[in-house]
Amino acid sequence: MRFPSPKRARGVSLIEMMIALAIGTFLILGLARVFSASRTAYQLSEGVSRVQENGRFAIDFIQRDLRMVGHMGCVNDQAHLQNVGALLNRVPAGTAGANSGVNFPLGIQAYEAAKTSATTMNLGTAANTWTPALPGALAALNPAPSPGSDVLQLRFLASEGAAIQAVVVSGTTSTITVAPGRWDALTQDGVVNPTMFGIADCSFVDLFLPSSTNAATRTVTVNAALDRYTPQPAGQTMLYRLESLVYYVAPNASGQRSLWRARALASGFYGPAEELVEGIESLQLQLGLDRNTGTMPAESPSGYVGTFVLPSAMATTEPASRSVGAVRLGVLASSPDRSASGQAPLGRSVLGVRFTPADATDTRYRFGYESTIAMRNRLYGN
């Protein structure tokens, strides 16, 4: 039997082992560095994508309804004659103050959030106050946990109406019958049981709360004599659902700020709010006024926007509301998760307001989006 020579049984020396460990450690550190860089790039890319998506959706949601302001059938609220005092400030029972959710002479209202300073807003230290002060119907939606965001109210006739087949007046009661197959036009956007209506032709509009509705017979009954619509011109008189919406920012179930929307009820309160877009930290508004704002309604609007003002500078009157011909809209969007984005220390700017996060170590990606929306129903005075 032969045994291996001791000289041929040599192993790895300590120096060789240390060199191998050093090389292996270097490779592992390199891989970890590549993984960390890839993870950071992915977080930033994901944050940018989510912010772009959320900002675009928020602007789209709001501007779609903003463009409907002033819609009162085939002509706008600047040119229409309408029943005086209709649905004027239906203050909810048990609340104080004016300007409830149902106040249709005012087609658009905005409330400016108090800033940390004249041009800056810290999302953690902003005051829970608005100018003008929020009415009870809006305060009940509890936007206060998210200070630093303006609030927007919009009121108009829905985009699609139902052609009227007949209007029967009996004393002080009128029964409106909708054409066959058209009742669905009054229940779009998830509104199963509409509670506020407007009947309009191309010269007049009546806004009212019905005493009863019957989808099966396609009828709406109102305690008012609508004689001006009898005999009803074929294809001209329409029945619309009244829309009264509010857009605001508030925390969602996870505590992150989101854009919310709520519809007003006939009582003056708002119904259940719906979360539209997460990651929206602030809504900023500027209102563009018609050149003839000082002389409305004595003088017809020119259809040209002369100046933009902050909501706090707007008068809460019907002529002032009808003089709004455009809105500058800005939203501050943030990524849902930390993105290691290395935000600029001065923060992001939206419509001249510079925002800084509540936490200096917050690395969520943020970006501001702005858009100017024309009130298409009020262009050139219709």
Protein backbone atom coordinates (compact mmCIF):
# COMPACT_ATOMS: atom_id res chain seq x y z
CA MET A 1 0.00 0.00 0.00
CA ARG A 2 1.29 3.40 -1.00
CA PHE A 3 0.63 6.54 1.02
CA PRO A 4 0.54 10.03 -0.51
CA SER A 5 3.61 12.03 0.00
CA PRO A 6 3.28 14.73 2.62
CA LYS A 7 4.47 17.23 0.07
CA ARG A 8 1.45 16.43 -2.19
CA ALA A 9 -1.14 16.87 0.63
CA ARG A 10 -0.71 20.63 0.92
CA GLY A 11 -3.94 22.69 1.58
CA VAL A 12 -4.89 26.33 1.16
CA SER A 13 -2.65 28.67 2.98
CA LEU A 14 -3.97 31.32 5.35
CA ILE A 15 -2.87 34.09 3.01
CA GLU A 16 -4.72 32.51 0.09
CA MET A 17 -7.82 32.11 2.22
CA MET A 18 -7.70 35.77 3.29
CA ILE A 19 -7.28 36.88 -0.32
CA ALA A 20 -10.27 34.75 -1.36
CA LEU A 21 -12.39 36.14 1.47
CA ALA A 22 -11.41 39.68 0.53
CA ILE A 23 -12.34 39.12 -3.09
CA GLY A 24 -15.65 37.49 -2.09
CA THR A 25 -16.44 40.32 0.32
CA PHE A 26 -15.67 42.87 -2.38
CA LEU A 27 -17.99 41.10 -4.82
CA ILE A 28 -20.78 40.85 -2.23
CA LEU A 29 -20.44 44.55 -1.38
CA GLY A 30 -20.57 45.38 -5.06
CA LEU A 31 -23.71 43.32 -5.52
CA ALA A 32 -25.28 44.95 -2.46
CA ARG A 33 -24.41 48.37 -3.83
CA VAL A 34 -25.94 47.51 -7.19
CA PHE A 35 -29.06 46.15 -5.46
CA SER A 36 -29.35 49.26 -3.28
CA ALA A 37 -28.97 51.57 -6.28
CA SER A 38 -31.51 49.55 -8.26
CA ARG A 39 -33.94 49.63 -5.33
CA THR A 40 -33.54 53.39 -4.94
CA ALA A 41 -34.04 53.92 -8.67
CA TYR A 42 -37.14 51.69 -8.59
CA GLN A 43 -38.58 53.59 -5.59
CA LEU A 44 -38.00 56.92 -7.29
CA SER A 45 -39.44 55.68 -10.59
CA GLU A 46 -42.47 54.22 -8.80
CA GLY A 47 -42.95 57.44 -6.82
CA VAL A 48 -42.71 59.62 -9.94
CA SER A 49 -45.17 57.37 -11.79
CA ARG A 50 -47.70 57.39 -8.97
CA VAL A 51 -47.42 61.16 -8.50
CA GLN A 52 -47.88 61.82 -12.22
CA GLU A 53 -50.85 59.46 -12.36
CA ASN A 54 -52.52 60.86 -9.25
CA GLY A 55 -51.90 64.48 -10.22
CA ARG A 56 -53.35 63.90 -13.69
CA PHE A 57 -56.43 62.12 -12.34
CA ALA A 58 -57.06 64.83 -9.72
CA ILE A 59 -56.87 67.63 -12.29
CA ASP A 60 -59.10 65.67 -14.67
CA PHE A 61 -61.78 64.98 -12.05
CA ILE A 62 -62.04 68.59 -10.94
CA GLN A 63 -61.78 70.27 -14.33
CA ARG A 64 -64.54 68.07 -15.77
CA ASP A 65 -67.00 69.49 -13.24
CA LEU A 66 -65.50 72.98 -13.36
CA ARG A 67 -66.33 73.19 -17.06
CA MET A 68 -69.98 72.53 -16.21
CA VAL A 69 -70.33 75.60 -13.98
CA GLY A 70 -72.94 77.92 -15.42
CA HIS A 71 -74.79 75.16 -17.29
CA MET A 72 -78.52 75.84 -17.13
CA GLY A 73 -79.78 73.97 -20.14
CA CYS A 74 -79.33 75.39 -23.62
CA VAL A 75 -78.08 78.74 -22.27
CA ASN A 76 -75.98 79.61 -19.22
CA ASP A 77 -76.77 81.10 -15.83
CA GLN A 78 -75.68 84.57 -17.02
CA ALA A 79 -78.33 84.65 -19.76
CA HIS A 80 -81.15 82.69 -18.13
CA LEU A 81 -84.15 84.07 -16.34
CA GLN A 82 -84.86 81.88 -13.32
CA ASN A 83 -87.24 81.61 -10.41
CA VAL A 84 -86.13 84.15 -7.81
CA GLY A 85 -84.85 82.71 -4.55
CA ALA A 86 -84.95 79.11 -5.78
CA LEU A 87 -82.95 76.79 -3.51
CA LEU A 88 -81.32 79.79 -1.88
CA ASN A 89 -79.08 78.81 1.02
CA ARG A 90 -80.93 75.84 2.46
CA VAL A 91 -79.10 75.95 5.78
CA PRO A 92 -79.14 72.45 7.35
CA ALA A 93 -81.14 72.08 10.53
CA GLY A 94 -78.98 72.46 13.61
CA THR A 95 -76.18 74.37 11.89
CA ALA A 96 -75.33 78.05 11.94
CA GLY A 97 -74.10 80.34 9.19
CA ALA A 98 -74.94 80.89 5.55
CA ASN A 99 -73.92 79.19 2.30
CA SER A 100 -74.92 75.59 2.77
CA GLY A 101 -74.39 72.77 0.31
CA VAL A 102 -77.56 73.86 -1.52
CA ASN A 103 -77.23 77.49 -2.59
CA PHE A 104 -77.80 77.49 -6.34
CA PRO A 105 -77.63 81.20 -7.09
CA LEU A 106 -73.91 80.79 -6.32
CA GLY A 107 -72.61 78.50 -9.06
CA ILE A 108 -69.04 78.46 -7.75
CA GLN A 109 -67.62 79.16 -4.31
CA ALA A 110 -64.09 78.68 -2.99
CA TYR A 111 -62.57 78.84 0.48
CA GLU A 112 -58.90 79.78 0.86
CA ALA A 113 -56.83 77.90 3.42
CA ALA A 114 -54.75 79.96 5.85
CA LYS A 115 -51.05 79.80 4.95
CA THR A 116 -48.04 79.48 7.21
CA SER A 117 -46.83 82.77 5.73
CA ALA A 118 -47.74 84.96 2.77
CA THR A 119 -46.15 82.63 0.21
CA THR A 120 -45.27 79.42 2.07
CA MET A 121 -47.20 76.52 3.51
CA ASN A 122 -45.91 73.93 5.95
CA LEU A 123 -48.15 70.89 5.72
CA GLY A 124 -47.66 70.15 9.39
CA THR A 125 -48.13 73.57 10.97
CA ALA A 126 -50.78 75.23 8.78
CA ALA A 127 -53.80 76.57 10.64
CA ASN A 128 -57.21 74.87 10.41
CA THR A 129 -58.91 78.03 9.12
CA TRP A 130 -60.36 79.18 5.81
CA THR A 131 -61.48 82.52 4.35
CA PRO A 132 -64.43 82.80 4.14
CA ALA A 133 -65.08 80.51 7.10
CA LEU A 134 -66.39 77.06 6.24
CA PRO A 135 -70.18 76.76 6.71
CA GLY A 136 -71.59 73.99 8.85
CA ALA A 137 -72.39 71.73 5.88
CA LEU A 138 -68.74 71.76 4.78
CA ALA A 139 -67.27 71.59 8.27
CA ALA A 140 -69.28 68.39 8.81
CA LEU A 141 -67.13 66.74 6.11
CA ASN A 142 -64.13 67.32 8.42
CA PRO A 143 -61.45 68.67 6.06
CA ALA A 144 -59.75 70.22 9.13
CA PRO A 145 -57.31 67.31 9.74
CA SER A 146 -55.68 68.34 6.43
CA PRO A 147 -55.02 72.08 6.75
CA GLY A 148 -53.38 73.99 3.94
CA SER A 149 -55.82 72.99 1.20
CA ASP A 150 -58.51 75.15 -0.40
CA VAL A 151 -62.12 73.92 -0.67
CA LEU A 152 -64.20 74.18 -3.86
CA GLN A 153 -68.01 74.14 -4.23
CA LEU A 154 -69.65 73.75 -7.66
CA ARG A 155 -73.34 73.88 -8.64
CA PHE A 156 -74.93 73.34 -12.07
CA LEU A 157 -77.45 71.34 -14.06
CA ALA A 158 -76.15 67.89 -14.99
CA SER A 159 -74.69 67.53 -18.46
CA GLU A 160 -77.50 65.30 -19.76
CA GLY A 161 -81.20 65.96 -19.37
CA ALA A 162 -84.42 64.13 -20.15
CA ALA A 163 -86.79 65.46 -22.79
CA ILE A 164 -90.18 66.34 -21.30
CA GLN A 165 -93.27 64.72 -22.75
CA ALA A 166 -95.83 66.83 -20.88
CA VAL A 167 -96.25 69.35 -18.08
CA VAL A 168 -99.68 69.24 -16.42
CA VAL A 169 -100.54 72.11 -14.07
CA SER A 170 -103.35 71.68 -11.56
CA GLY A 171 -103.73 74.66 -9.27
CA THR A 172 -100.39 75.08 -7.49
CA THR A 173 -99.15 71.61 -8.39
CA SER A 174 -97.33 70.56 -11.57
CA THR A 175 -96.63 67.04 -12.82
CA ILE A 176 -93.75 66.61 -15.23
CA THR A 177 -93.65 63.50 -17.42
CA VAL A 178 -90.36 62.52 -19.00
CA ALA A 179 -90.21 61.00 -22.48
CA PRO A 180 -90.04 57.17 -22.63
CA GLY A 181 -86.58 55.73 -22.14
CA ARG A 182 -85.09 58.97 -20.82
CA TRP A 183 -85.39 58.55 -17.05
CA ASP A 184 -81.91 57.02 -16.92
CA ALA A 185 -80.45 60.39 -17.89
CA LEU A 186 -81.43 61.63 -14.42
CA THR A 187 -79.72 58.79 -12.54
CA GLN A 188 -76.22 58.82 -14.04
CA ASP A 189 -72.98 58.84 -12.03
CA GLY A 190 -74.44 56.57 -9.38
CA VAL A 191 -77.27 58.91 -8.30
CA VAL A 192 -80.10 56.37 -7.97
CA ASN A 193 -82.67 58.68 -6.37
CA PRO A 194 -82.21 62.31 -7.49
CA THR A 195 -83.66 64.81 -5.03
CA MET A 196 -83.09 68.16 -6.77
CA PHE A 197 -84.18 69.11 -10.28
CA GLY A 198 -84.23 71.90 -12.81
CA ILE A 199 -86.66 72.34 -15.70
CA ALA A 200 -85.40 74.57 -18.48
CA ASP A 201 -86.06 75.77 -21.97
CA CYS A 202 -83.95 78.30 -23.87
CA SER A 203 -85.37 81.31 -22.03
CA PHE A 204 -86.15 80.27 -18.45
CA VAL A 205 -85.14 77.78 -15.79
CA ASP A 206 -86.94 76.68 -12.63
CA LEU A 207 -84.96 74.99 -9.86
CA PHE A 208 -86.98 72.99 -7.34
CA LEU A 209 -87.22 70.17 -4.84
CA PRO A 210 -89.86 67.63 -5.90
CA SER A 211 -92.74 66.64 -3.66
CA SER A 212 -92.56 63.15 -5.20
CA THR A 213 -90.85 61.19 -7.97
CA ASN A 214 -91.86 57.96 -9.70
CA ALA A 215 -89.33 56.24 -11.91
CA ALA A 216 -91.90 53.68 -13.09
CA THR A 217 -94.24 56.33 -14.52
CA ARG A 218 -91.35 58.71 -15.32
CA THR A 219 -93.03 61.56 -13.42
CA VAL A 220 -91.85 64.29 -11.09
CA THR A 221 -94.36 66.31 -9.04
CA VAL A 222 -93.58 69.77 -7.70
CA ASN A 223 -95.63 72.15 -5.57
CA ALA A 224 -95.42 75.03 -8.04
CA ALA A 225 -97.44 76.17 -11.05
CA LEU A 226 -95.07 75.80 -14.00
CA ASP A 227 -97.42 77.55 -16.42
CA ARG A 228 -94.59 78.97 -18.52
CA TYR A 229 -93.83 75.47 -19.84
CA THR A 230 -97.37 74.84 -21.12
CA PRO A 231 -97.88 74.18 -23.93
CA GLN A 232 -94.49 72.51 -23.91
CA PRO A 233 -92.38 73.23 -27.03
CA ALA A 234 -91.50 69.93 -28.65
CA GLY A 235 -87.88 68.94 -28.06
CA GLN A 236 -86.97 72.15 -26.24
CA THR A 237 -87.99 71.83 -22.60
CA MET A 238 -85.76 69.47 -20.62
CA LEU A 239 -85.64 68.12 -17.08
CA TYR A 240 -82.20 67.96 -15.45
CA ARG A 241 -80.78 66.71 -12.20
CA LEU A 242 -79.22 69.47 -10.11
CA GLU A 243 -75.62 68.89 -9.10
CA SER A 244 -74.04 70.45 -6.03
CA LEU A 245 -70.51 69.12 -5.45
CA VAL A 246 -67.64 69.91 -3.13
CA TYR A 247 -63.97 69.00 -3.64
CA TYR A 248 -61.60 68.99 -0.67
CA VAL A 249 -58.55 67.24 0.81
CA ALA A 250 -58.77 65.01 3.88
CA PRO A 251 -56.98 61.92 5.28
CA ASN A 252 -58.07 58.47 4.14
CA ALA A 253 -58.28 55.31 6.24
CA SER A 254 -54.48 54.90 6.23
CA GLY A 255 -53.89 58.50 7.28
CA GLN A 256 -52.61 59.70 3.93
CA ARG A 257 -54.14 62.81 2.37
CA SER A 258 -56.48 62.25 -0.55
CA LEU A 259 -58.81 64.20 -2.81
CA TRP A 260 -62.46 63.72 -1.82
CA ARG A 261 -65.79 64.65 -3.42
CA ALA A 262 -69.28 64.83 -1.91
CA ARG A 263 -72.75 65.61 -3.29
CA ALA A 264 -75.19 67.88 -1.50
CA LEU A 265 -78.52 66.55 -0.35
CA ALA A 266 -81.84 68.41 -0.46
CA SER A 267 -81.46 69.06 3.28
CA GLY A 268 -78.39 71.24 2.69
CA PHE A 269 -75.98 68.68 4.12
CA TYR A 270 -73.61 66.64 1.99
CA GLY A 271 -74.04 62.92 1.45
CA PRO A 272 -71.36 60.26 1.95
CA ALA A 273 -68.02 61.48 0.60
CA GLU A 274 -66.10 59.41 -1.92
CA GLU A 275 -62.31 59.19 -2.06
CA LEU A 276 -61.19 59.98 -5.61
CA VAL A 277 -57.38 60.10 -5.65
CA GLU A 278 -54.87 59.27 -2.95
CA GLY A 279 -51.68 61.20 -2.39
CA ILE A 280 -53.18 64.68 -3.00
CA GLU A 281 -51.84 66.89 -0.21
CA SER A 282 -53.19 70.30 -1.19
CA LEU A 283 -55.65 71.95 -3.55
CA GLN A 284 -54.96 75.58 -4.54
CA LEU A 285 -57.34 77.89 -6.41
CA GLN A 286 -57.41 81.27 -8.14
CA LEU A 287 -60.63 82.65 -9.65
CA GLY A 288 -60.66 84.57 -12.95
CA LEU A 289 -63.21 87.39 -13.03
CA ASP A 290 -64.96 88.85 -16.05
CA ARG A 291 -63.98 92.40 -17.01
CA ASN A 292 -67.51 93.56 -16.24
CA THR A 293 -67.57 92.12 -12.74
CA GLY A 294 -68.16 95.54 -11.22
CA THR A 295 -71.32 96.20 -13.22
CA MET A 296 -72.99 92.77 -13.30
CA PRO A 297 -75.85 92.06 -13.54
CA ALA A 298 -76.74 95.52 -14.85
CA GLU A 299 -74.26 95.07 -17.70
CA SER A 300 -73.83 91.83 -19.62
CA PRO A 301 -70.55 89.96 -19.08
CA SER A 302 -67.90 90.49 -21.73
CA GLY A 303 -66.73 86.86 -21.81
CA TYR A 304 -63.12 88.00 -21.22
CA VAL A 305 -61.29 87.32 -17.97
CA GLY A 306 -59.72 90.52 -16.66
CA THR A 307 -57.98 89.40 -13.48
CA PHE A 308 -57.41 86.41 -11.20
CA VAL A 309 -58.03 86.72 -7.46
CA LEU A 310 -57.64 84.47 -4.45
CA PRO A 311 -60.82 82.98 -2.94
CA SER A 312 -60.40 85.19 0.12
CA ALA A 313 -60.79 88.27 -2.12
CA MET A 314 -64.06 87.10 -3.68
CA ALA A 315 -67.40 88.51 -2.62
CA THR A 316 -69.95 85.87 -1.62
CA THR A 317 -72.71 87.35 -3.78
CA GLU A 318 -74.61 86.05 -6.78
CA PRO A 319 -73.19 88.63 -9.27
CA ALA A 320 -69.64 87.90 -8.08
CA SER A 321 -70.15 84.16 -8.47
CA ARG A 322 -71.55 84.58 -11.98
CA SER A 323 -68.60 86.74 -13.00
CA VAL A 324 -66.12 83.86 -12.63
CA GLY A 325 -65.06 82.94 -16.16
CA ALA A 326 -61.99 80.80 -15.47
CA VAL A 327 -60.22 79.01 -12.63
CA ARG A 328 -56.54 78.39 -12.06
CA LEU A 329 -56.28 75.00 -10.40
CA GLY A 330 -53.22 73.55 -8.70
CA VAL A 331 -52.67 70.30 -6.81
CA LEU A 332 -49.71 69.07 -4.78
CA ALA A 333 -49.32 65.31 -5.23
CA SER A 334 -47.04 63.01 -3.21
CA SER A 335 -45.96 59.39 -3.60
CA PRO A 336 -47.71 56.87 -1.32
CA ASP A 337 -44.37 55.54 -0.01
CA ARG A 338 -40.97 56.98 0.70
CA SER A 339 -38.99 57.19 -2.52
CA ALA A 340 -35.50 58.37 -1.47
CA SER A 341 -36.01 61.23 -3.86
CA GLY A 342 -33.86 63.82 -2.14
CA GLN A 343 -36.41 66.63 -2.32
CA ALA A 344 -35.21 70.18 -2.67
CA PRO A 345 -35.01 71.85 0.78
CA LEU A 346 -37.35 74.66 -0.36
CA GLY A 347 -40.10 72.22 -1.31
CA ARG A 348 -42.50 72.32 -4.24
CA SER A 349 -44.45 75.32 -5.52
CA VAL A 350 -48.10 75.40 -6.63
CA LEU A 351 -49.67 78.64 -7.92
CA GLY A 352 -47.01 80.69 -6.16
CA VAL A 353 -47.35 78.86 -2.82
CA ARG A 354 -44.23 76.93 -1.76
CA PHE A 355 -44.91 73.80 0.29
CA THR A 356 -42.63 72.11 2.79
CA PRO A 357 -43.38 68.71 4.35
CA ALA A 358 -44.30 68.38 8.00
CA ASP A 359 -41.31 66.06 8.59
CA ALA A 360 -37.88 67.20 7.39
CA THR A 361 -36.84 63.55 6.96
CA ASP A 362 -39.83 62.77 4.72
CA THR A 363 -38.46 61.49 1.40
CA ARG A 364 -41.76 61.09 -0.45
CA TYR A 365 -41.61 62.38 -3.99
CA ARG A 366 -43.77 65.47 -4.51
CA PHE A 367 -44.70 67.54 -7.51
CA GLY A 368 -47.15 70.33 -8.25
CA TYR A 369 -49.54 70.33 -11.21
CA GLU A 370 -51.39 73.37 -12.51
CA SER A 371 -54.11 73.98 -15.08
CA THR A 372 -56.27 76.93 -16.18
CA ILE A 373 -59.86 75.92 -16.91
CA ALA A 374 -62.28 78.16 -18.80
CA MET A 375 -65.92 78.16 -17.80
CA ARG A 376 -67.08 77.10 -21.25
CA ASN A 377 -70.73 77.77 -20.42
CA ARG A 378 -69.86 81.39 -19.70
CA LEU A 379 -67.63 82.16 -22.68
CA TYR A 380 -68.61 85.40 -24.43
CA GLY A 381 -71.64 85.79 -22.20
CA ASN A 382 -73.52 83.09 -24.16
